[in-house]
Amino acid sequence: MCVLMLHMRSVTLRHMQHHLSDVIRHVDQGNEVLVTRRRRAIARLVPLQPAATRIPWPDFVARVARIKGTPLSATILAERD
């Protein structure tokens, strides 16, 4: 990010064009980003949801293990010992 402004970061349009994924990641973390062109603010990026209210992704690996049980490879390795 370019400039720290109180609670919001400012980024130039050129920097955003070259580092869009970094800017989006910053917004995804719940921060706002002010986009500037020639030192004039042209846009403000804000997250759709506050970071605290996001629903965490379920642990799919643990879910599959609960449904299917232990993997066959783990059973074979345990029987070899």
PDB file of N, CA and C in Angstrom:
ATOM      1  N   MET A   1       0.832  -1.175   0.000  1.00  0.00           N
ATOM      2  CA  MET A   1       0.000   0.000   0.000  1.00  0.00           C
ATOM      3  C   MET A   1       0.878   1.240   0.000  1.00  0.00           C
ATOM      4  N   CYS A   2       0.351   2.294  -0.489  1.00  0.00           N
ATOM      5  CA  CYS A   2       1.151   3.503  -0.645  1.00  0.00           C
ATOM      6  C   CYS A   2       1.144   4.386   0.599  1.00  0.00           C
ATOM      7  N   VAL A   3       0.013   4.931   0.958  1.00  0.00           N
ATOM      8  CA  VAL A   3      -0.037   5.938   2.006  1.00  0.00           C
ATOM      9  C   VAL A   3      -1.032   5.509   3.069  1.00  0.00           C
ATOM     10  N   LEU A   4      -0.665   5.648   4.338  1.00  0.00           N
ATOM     11  CA  LEU A   4      -1.573   5.341   5.431  1.00  0.00           C
ATOM     12  C   LEU A   4      -2.353   6.585   5.796  1.00  0.00           C
ATOM     13  N   MET A   5      -3.674   6.529   5.783  1.00  0.00           N
ATOM     14  CA  MET A   5      -4.522   7.677   6.117  1.00  0.00           C
ATOM     15  C   MET A   5      -5.484   7.259   7.221  1.00  0.00           C
ATOM     16  N   LEU A   6      -5.198   7.633   8.453  1.00  0.00           N
ATOM     17  CA  LEU A   6      -6.038   7.325   9.612  1.00  0.00           C
ATOM     18  C   LEU A   6      -6.480   5.869   9.581  1.00  0.00           C
ATOM     19  N   HIS A   7      -7.705   5.590   9.193  1.00  0.00           N
ATOM     20  CA  HIS A   7      -8.203   4.220   9.174  1.00  0.00           C
ATOM     21  C   HIS A   7      -8.233   3.645   7.760  1.00  0.00           C
ATOM     22  N   MET A   8      -7.845   4.425   6.782  1.00  0.00           N
ATOM     23  CA  MET A   8      -7.957   4.010   5.399  1.00  0.00           C
ATOM     24  C   MET A   8      -6.603   4.129   4.701  1.00  0.00           C
ATOM     25  N   ARG A   9      -6.308   3.218   3.813  1.00  0.00           N
ATOM     26  CA  ARG A   9      -5.086   3.298   3.025  1.00  0.00           C
ATOM     27  C   ARG A   9      -5.410   3.885   1.667  1.00  0.00           C
ATOM     28  N   SER A  10      -4.445   4.589   1.112  1.00  0.00           N
ATOM     29  CA  SER A  10      -4.602   5.202  -0.199  1.00  0.00           C
ATOM     30  C   SER A  10      -3.648   4.523  -1.169  1.00  0.00           C
ATOM     31  N   VAL A  11      -4.118   4.285  -2.377  1.00  0.00           N
ATOM     32  CA  VAL A  11      -3.293   3.645  -3.391  1.00  0.00           C
ATOM     33  C   VAL A  11      -3.537   4.369  -4.713  1.00  0.00           C
ATOM     34  N   THR A  12      -2.459   4.558  -5.463  1.00  0.00           N
ATOM     35  CA  THR A  12      -2.609   5.204  -6.763  1.00  0.00           C
ATOM     36  C   THR A  12      -3.219   4.220  -7.757  1.00  0.00           C
ATOM     37  N   LEU A  13      -3.827   4.748  -8.779  1.00  0.00           N
ATOM     38  CA  LEU A  13      -4.439   3.903  -9.791  1.00  0.00           C
ATOM     39  C   LEU A  13      -3.390   3.026 -10.476  1.00  0.00           C
ATOM     40  N   ARG A  14      -2.241   3.584 -10.737  1.00  0.00           N
ATOM     41  CA  ARG A  14      -1.164   2.813 -11.379  1.00  0.00           C
ATOM     42  C   ARG A  14      -0.708   1.656 -10.493  1.00  0.00           C
ATOM     43  N   HIS A  15      -0.550   1.929  -9.190  1.00  0.00           N
ATOM     44  CA  HIS A  15      -0.152   0.877  -8.248  1.00  0.00           C
ATOM     45  C   HIS A  15      -1.230  -0.210  -8.197  1.00  0.00           C
ATOM     46  N   MET A  16      -2.478   0.207  -8.236  1.00  0.00           N
ATOM     47  CA  MET A  16      -3.572  -0.757  -8.182  1.00  0.00           C
ATOM     48  C   MET A  16      -3.604  -1.631  -9.429  1.00  0.00           C
ATOM     49  N   GLN A  17      -3.298  -1.042 -10.584  1.00  0.00           N
ATOM     50  CA  GLN A  17      -3.272  -1.819 -11.820  1.00  0.00           C
ATOM     51  C   GLN A  17      -2.193  -2.907 -11.757  1.00  0.00           C
ATOM     52  N   HIS A  18      -1.088  -2.607 -11.133  1.00  0.00           N
ATOM     53  CA  HIS A  18       0.020  -3.560 -11.091  1.00  0.00           C
ATOM     54  C   HIS A  18      -0.072  -4.524  -9.917  1.00  0.00           C
ATOM     55  N   HIS A  19      -0.807  -4.169  -8.869  1.00  0.00           N
ATOM     56  CA  HIS A  19      -0.880  -4.993  -7.658  1.00  0.00           C
ATOM     57  C   HIS A  19      -2.326  -5.199  -7.215  1.00  0.00           C
ATOM     58  N   LEU A  20      -3.198  -5.490  -8.163  1.00  0.00           N
ATOM     59  CA  LEU A  20      -4.618  -5.611  -7.857  1.00  0.00           C
ATOM     60  C   LEU A  20      -4.900  -6.706  -6.838  1.00  0.00           C
ATOM     61  N   SER A  21      -4.244  -7.836  -6.946  1.00  0.00           N
ATOM     62  CA  SER A  21      -4.518  -8.931  -6.002  1.00  0.00           C
ATOM     63  C   SER A  21      -4.149  -8.537  -4.573  1.00  0.00           C
ATOM     64  N   ASP A  22      -3.070  -7.779  -4.392  1.00  0.00           N
ATOM     65  CA  ASP A  22      -2.694  -7.319  -3.051  1.00  0.00           C
ATOM     66  C   ASP A  22      -3.725  -6.345  -2.491  1.00  0.00           C
ATOM     67  N   VAL A  23      -4.223  -5.449  -3.339  1.00  0.00           N
ATOM     68  CA  VAL A  23      -5.221  -4.473  -2.898  1.00  0.00           C
ATOM     69  C   VAL A  23      -6.516  -5.192  -2.524  1.00  0.00           C
ATOM     70  N   ILE A  24      -6.958  -6.136  -3.341  1.00  0.00           N
ATOM     71  CA  ILE A  24      -8.181  -6.884  -3.058  1.00  0.00           C
ATOM     72  C   ILE A  24      -8.023  -7.709  -1.785  1.00  0.00           C
ATOM     73  N   ARG A  25      -6.863  -8.295  -1.574  1.00  0.00           N
ATOM     74  CA  ARG A  25      -6.612  -9.054  -0.344  1.00  0.00           C
ATOM     75  C   ARG A  25      -6.733  -8.141   0.877  1.00  0.00           C
ATOM     76  N   HIS A  26      -6.231  -6.917   0.764  1.00  0.00           N
ATOM     77  CA  HIS A  26      -6.306  -5.947   1.856  1.00  0.00           C
ATOM     78  C   HIS A  26      -7.769  -5.584   2.140  1.00  0.00           C
ATOM     79  N   VAL A  27      -8.554  -5.407   1.087  1.00  0.00           N
ATOM     80  CA  VAL A  27      -9.972  -5.102   1.262  1.00  0.00           C
ATOM     81  C   VAL A  27     -10.702  -6.301   1.847  1.00  0.00           C
ATOM     82  N   ASP A  28     -10.338  -7.496   1.416  1.00  0.00           N
ATOM     83  CA  ASP A  28     -10.962  -8.718   1.902  1.00  0.00           C
ATOM     84  C   ASP A  28     -10.723  -8.925   3.400  1.00  0.00           C
ATOM     85  N   GLN A  29      -9.653  -8.356   3.924  1.00  0.00           N
ATOM     86  CA  GLN A  29      -9.347  -8.453   5.351  1.00  0.00           C
ATOM     87  C   GLN A  29     -10.175  -7.463   6.176  1.00  0.00           C
ATOM     88  N   GLY A  30     -11.047  -6.701   5.523  1.00  0.00           N
ATOM     89  CA  GLY A  30     -11.932  -5.794   6.234  1.00  0.00           C
ATOM     90  C   GLY A  30     -11.490  -4.343   6.226  1.00  0.00           C
ATOM     91  N   ASN A  31     -10.510  -3.997   5.429  1.00  0.00           N
ATOM     92  CA  ASN A  31      -9.991  -2.629   5.371  1.00  0.00           C
ATOM     93  C   ASN A  31     -10.550  -1.885   4.161  1.00  0.00           C
ATOM     94  N   GLU A  32     -10.567  -0.562   4.252  1.00  0.00           N
ATOM     95  CA  GLU A  32     -10.984   0.270   3.138  1.00  0.00           C
ATOM     96  C   GLU A  32      -9.757   0.784   2.402  1.00  0.00           C
ATOM     97  N   VAL A  33      -9.897   0.986   1.106  1.00  0.00           N
ATOM     98  CA  VAL A  33      -8.805   1.494   0.277  1.00  0.00           C
ATOM     99  C   VAL A  33      -9.332   2.658  -0.555  1.00  0.00           C
ATOM    100  N   LEU A  34      -8.618   3.758  -0.515  1.00  0.00           N
ATOM    101  CA  LEU A  34      -8.951   4.934  -1.306  1.00  0.00           C
ATOM    102  C   LEU A  34      -8.065   4.924  -2.551  1.00  0.00           C
ATOM    103  N   VAL A  35      -8.686   4.956  -3.725  1.00  0.00           N
ATOM    104  CA  VAL A  35      -7.955   4.924  -4.991  1.00  0.00           C
ATOM    105  C   VAL A  35      -7.814   6.364  -5.489  1.00  0.00           C
ATOM    106  N   THR A  36      -6.579   6.744  -5.829  1.00  0.00           N
ATOM    107  CA  THR A  36      -6.327   8.112  -6.285  1.00  0.00           C
ATOM    108  C   THR A  36      -5.718   8.108  -7.681  1.00  0.00           C
ATOM    109  N   ARG A  37      -5.993   9.197  -8.400  1.00  0.00           N
ATOM    110  CA  ARG A  37      -5.347   9.433  -9.696  1.00  0.00           C
ATOM    111  C   ARG A  37      -4.936  10.893  -9.709  1.00  0.00           C
ATOM    112  N   ARG A  38      -3.658  11.126  -9.892  1.00  0.00           N
ATOM    113  CA  ARG A  38      -3.094  12.484  -9.882  1.00  0.00           C
ATOM    114  C   ARG A  38      -3.459  13.229  -8.595  1.00  0.00           C
ATOM    115  N   ARG A  39      -3.285  12.530  -7.476  1.00  0.00           N
ATOM    116  CA  ARG A  39      -3.509  13.049  -6.120  1.00  0.00           C
ATOM    117  C   ARG A  39      -4.962  13.431  -5.841  1.00  0.00           C
ATOM    118  N   ARG A  40      -5.890  12.958  -6.665  1.00  0.00           N
ATOM    119  CA  ARG A  40      -7.307  13.225  -6.451  1.00  0.00           C
ATOM    120  C   ARG A  40      -8.023  11.894  -6.246  1.00  0.00           C
ATOM    121  N   ALA A  41      -8.819  11.801  -5.193  1.00  0.00           N
ATOM    122  CA  ALA A  41      -9.537  10.564  -4.904  1.00  0.00           C
ATOM    123  C   ALA A  41     -10.595  10.317  -5.978  1.00  0.00           C
ATOM    124  N   ILE A  42     -10.595   9.081  -6.511  1.00  0.00           N
ATOM    125  CA  ILE A  42     -11.570   8.752  -7.550  1.00  0.00           C
ATOM    126  C   ILE A  42     -12.482   7.595  -7.137  1.00  0.00           C
ATOM    127  N   ALA A  43     -12.064   6.797  -6.166  1.00  0.00           N
ATOM    128  CA  ALA A  43     -12.884   5.660  -5.758  1.00  0.00           C
ATOM    129  C   ALA A  43     -12.492   5.222  -4.351  1.00  0.00           C
ATOM    130  N   ARG A  44     -13.435   4.529  -3.714  1.00  0.00           N
ATOM    131  CA  ARG A  44     -13.166   3.956  -2.393  1.00  0.00           C
ATOM    132  C   ARG A  44     -13.638   2.514  -2.429  1.00  0.00           C
ATOM    133  N   LEU A  45     -12.748   1.595  -2.140  1.00  0.00           N
ATOM    134  CA  LEU A  45     -13.091   0.179  -2.095  1.00  0.00           C
ATOM    135  C   LEU A  45     -13.373  -0.212  -0.654  1.00  0.00           C
ATOM    136  N   VAL A  46     -14.533  -0.802  -0.425  1.00  0.00           N
ATOM    137  CA  VAL A  46     -14.914  -1.238   0.915  1.00  0.00           C
ATOM    138  C   VAL A  46     -15.325  -2.703   0.850  1.00  0.00           C
ATOM    139  N   PRO A  47     -15.109  -3.457   1.918  1.00  0.00           N
ATOM    140  CA  PRO A  47     -15.540  -4.858   1.918  1.00  0.00           C
ATOM    141  C   PRO A  47     -17.066  -4.953   1.956  1.00  0.00           C
ATOM    142  N   LEU A  48     -17.607  -6.009   1.370  1.00  0.00           N
ATOM    143  CA  LEU A  48     -19.052  -6.196   1.374  1.00  0.00           C
ATOM    144  C   LEU A  48     -19.584  -6.488   2.766  1.00  0.00           C
ATOM    145  N   GLN A  49     -18.849  -7.295   3.529  1.00  0.00           N
ATOM    146  CA  GLN A  49     -19.239  -7.647   4.891  1.00  0.00           C
ATOM    147  C   GLN A  49     -18.123  -7.243   5.827  1.00  0.00           C
ATOM    148  N   PRO A  50     -18.457  -6.842   7.038  1.00  0.00           N
ATOM    149  CA  PRO A  50     -17.388  -6.631   8.019  1.00  0.00           C
ATOM    150  C   PRO A  50     -16.654  -7.949   8.273  1.00  0.00           C
ATOM    151  N   ALA A  51     -15.369  -7.866   8.538  1.00  0.00           N
ATOM    152  CA  ALA A  51     -14.551  -9.068   8.711  1.00  0.00           C
ATOM    153  C   ALA A  51     -15.029  -9.935   9.866  1.00  0.00           C
ATOM    154  N   ALA A  52     -15.595  -9.340  10.923  1.00  0.00           N
ATOM    155  CA  ALA A  52     -16.000 -10.101  12.104  1.00  0.00           C
ATOM    156  C   ALA A  52     -17.238 -10.951  11.852  1.00  0.00           C
ATOM    157  N   THR A  53     -18.084 -10.595  10.882  1.00  0.00           N
ATOM    158  CA  THR A  53     -19.325 -11.325  10.674  1.00  0.00           C
ATOM    159  C   THR A  53     -19.233 -12.374   9.575  1.00  0.00           C
ATOM    160  N   ARG A  54     -18.070 -12.595   9.028  1.00  0.00           N
ATOM    161  CA  ARG A  54     -17.933 -13.589   7.975  1.00  0.00           C
ATOM    162  C   ARG A  54     -18.048 -14.989   8.552  1.00  0.00           C
ATOM    163  N   ILE A  55     -18.635 -15.863   7.784  1.00  0.00           N
ATOM    164  CA  ILE A  55     -18.796 -17.252   8.198  1.00  0.00           C
ATOM    165  C   ILE A  55     -17.549 -18.022   7.774  1.00  0.00           C
ATOM    166  N   PRO A  56     -16.893 -18.716   8.697  1.00  0.00           N
ATOM    167  CA  PRO A  56     -15.693 -19.476   8.329  1.00  0.00           C
ATOM    168  C   PRO A  56     -16.052 -20.686   7.466  1.00  0.00           C
ATOM    169  N   TRP A  57     -15.133 -21.051   6.586  1.00  0.00           N
ATOM    170  CA  TRP A  57     -15.329 -22.227   5.745  1.00  0.00           C
ATOM    171  C   TRP A  57     -15.278 -23.479   6.601  1.00  0.00           C
ATOM    172  N   PRO A  58     -16.120 -24.463   6.309  1.00  0.00           N
ATOM    173  CA  PRO A  58     -16.067 -25.710   7.074  1.00  0.00           C
ATOM    174  C   PRO A  58     -14.798 -26.484   6.741  1.00  0.00           C
ATOM    175  N   ASP A  59     -14.391 -27.325   7.660  1.00  0.00           N
ATOM    176  CA  ASP A  59     -13.212 -28.165   7.459  1.00  0.00           C
ATOM    177  C   ASP A  59     -13.650 -29.409   6.681  1.00  0.00           C
ATOM    178  N   PHE A  60     -13.475 -29.359   5.359  1.00  0.00           N
ATOM    179  CA  PHE A  60     -13.967 -30.441   4.517  1.00  0.00           C
ATOM    180  C   PHE A  60     -13.204 -31.741   4.734  1.00  0.00           C
ATOM    181  N   VAL A  61     -11.933 -31.659   5.037  1.00  0.00           N
ATOM    182  CA  VAL A  61     -11.144 -32.872   5.250  1.00  0.00           C
ATOM    183  C   VAL A  61     -11.651 -33.617   6.478  1.00  0.00           C
ATOM    184  N   ALA A  62     -11.903 -32.890   7.566  1.00  0.00           N
ATOM    185  CA  ALA A  62     -12.423 -33.527   8.775  1.00  0.00           C
ATOM    186  C   ALA A  62     -13.826 -34.077   8.532  1.00  0.00           C
ATOM    187  N   ARG A  63     -14.600 -33.364   7.729  1.00  0.00           N
ATOM    188  CA  ARG A  63     -15.957 -33.826   7.435  1.00  0.00           C
ATOM    189  C   ARG A  63     -15.936 -35.137   6.661  1.00  0.00           C
ATOM    190  N   VAL A  64     -15.063 -35.249   5.669  1.00  0.00           N
ATOM    191  CA  VAL A  64     -14.945 -36.489   4.899  1.00  0.00           C
ATOM    192  C   VAL A  64     -14.454 -37.618   5.798  1.00  0.00           C
ATOM    193  N   ALA A  65     -13.514 -37.331   6.693  1.00  0.00           N
ATOM    194  CA  ALA A  65     -13.015 -38.360   7.600  1.00  0.00           C
ATOM    195  C   ALA A  65     -14.128 -38.870   8.508  1.00  0.00           C
ATOM    196  N   ARG A  66     -15.012 -37.974   8.962  1.00  0.00           N
ATOM    197  CA  ARG A  66     -16.126 -38.410   9.811  1.00  0.00           C
ATOM    198  C   ARG A  66     -17.107 -39.275   9.032  1.00  0.00           C
ATOM    199  N   ILE A  67     -17.329 -38.947   7.771  1.00  0.00           N
ATOM    200  CA  ILE A  67     -18.309 -39.684   6.970  1.00  0.00           C
ATOM    201  C   ILE A  67     -17.753 -41.031   6.530  1.00  0.00           C
ATOM    202  N   LYS A  68     -16.543 -41.024   6.005  1.00  0.00           N
ATOM    203  CA  LYS A  68     -15.978 -42.246   5.435  1.00  0.00           C
ATOM    204  C   LYS A  68     -15.103 -43.032   6.392  1.00  0.00           C
ATOM    205  N   GLY A  69     -14.755 -42.475   7.511  1.00  0.00           N
ATOM    206  CA  GLY A  69     -13.877 -43.164   8.442  1.00  0.00           C
ATOM    207  C   GLY A  69     -12.421 -42.940   8.084  1.00  0.00           C
ATOM    208  N   THR A  70     -11.558 -43.746   8.657  1.00  0.00           N
ATOM    209  CA  THR A  70     -10.128 -43.581   8.396  1.00  0.00           C
ATOM    210  C   THR A  70      -9.803 -44.038   6.981  1.00  0.00           C
ATOM    211  N   PRO A  71      -8.847 -43.379   6.340  1.00  0.00           N
ATOM    212  CA  PRO A  71      -8.474 -43.777   4.983  1.00  0.00           C
ATOM    213  C   PRO A  71      -7.864 -45.183   4.958  1.00  0.00           C
ATOM    214  N   LEU A  72      -8.017 -45.869   3.847  1.00  0.00           N
ATOM    215  CA  LEU A  72      -7.506 -47.219   3.699  1.00  0.00           C
ATOM    216  C   LEU A  72      -5.994 -47.267   3.852  1.00  0.00           C
ATOM    217  N   SER A  73      -5.307 -46.251   3.341  1.00  0.00           N
ATOM    218  CA  SER A  73      -3.855 -46.239   3.451  1.00  0.00           C
ATOM    219  C   SER A  73      -3.419 -46.188   4.910  1.00  0.00           C
ATOM    220  N   ALA A  74      -4.140 -45.478   5.758  1.00  0.00           N
ATOM    221  CA  ALA A  74      -3.797 -45.409   7.181  1.00  0.00           C
ATOM    222  C   ALA A  74      -4.042 -46.764   7.846  1.00  0.00           C
ATOM    223  N   THR A  75      -5.090 -47.452   7.439  1.00  0.00           N
ATOM    224  CA  THR A  75      -5.393 -48.781   7.992  1.00  0.00           C
ATOM    225  C   THR A  75      -4.298 -49.771   7.601  1.00  0.00           C
ATOM    226  N   ILE A  76      -3.869 -49.722   6.351  1.00  0.00           N
ATOM    227  CA  ILE A  76      -2.817 -50.644   5.873  1.00  0.00           C
ATOM    228  C   ILE A  76      -1.513 -50.381   6.616  1.00  0.00           C
ATOM    229  N   LEU A  77      -1.131 -49.120   6.763  1.00  0.00           N
ATOM    230  CA  LEU A  77       0.100 -48.801   7.482  1.00  0.00           C
ATOM    231  C   LEU A  77       0.023 -49.233   8.942  1.00  0.00           C
ATOM    232  N   ALA A  78      -1.136 -49.127   9.558  1.00  0.00           N
ATOM    233  CA  ALA A  78      -1.283 -49.554  10.954  1.00  0.00           C
ATOM    234  C   ALA A  78      -1.170 -51.060  11.082  1.00  0.00           C
ATOM    235  N   GLU A  79      -1.668 -51.818  10.104  1.00  0.00           N
ATOM    236  CA  GLU A  79      -1.589 -53.283  10.142  1.00  0.00           C
ATOM    237  C   GLU A  79      -0.185 -53.786   9.843  1.00  0.00           C
ATOM    238  N   ARG A  80       0.609 -53.017   9.134  1.00  0.00           N
ATOM    239  CA  ARG A  80       1.987 -53.426   8.841  1.00  0.00           C
ATOM    240  C   ARG A  80       2.864 -53.410  10.071  1.00  0.00           C
ATOM    241  N   ASP A  81       2.560 -52.530  11.018  1.00  0.00           N
ATOM    242  CA  ASP A  81       3.385 -52.411  12.228  1.00  0.00           C
ATOM    243  C   ASP A  81       3.158 -53.499  13.191  1.00  0.00           C
TER     244      ASP A  81
END
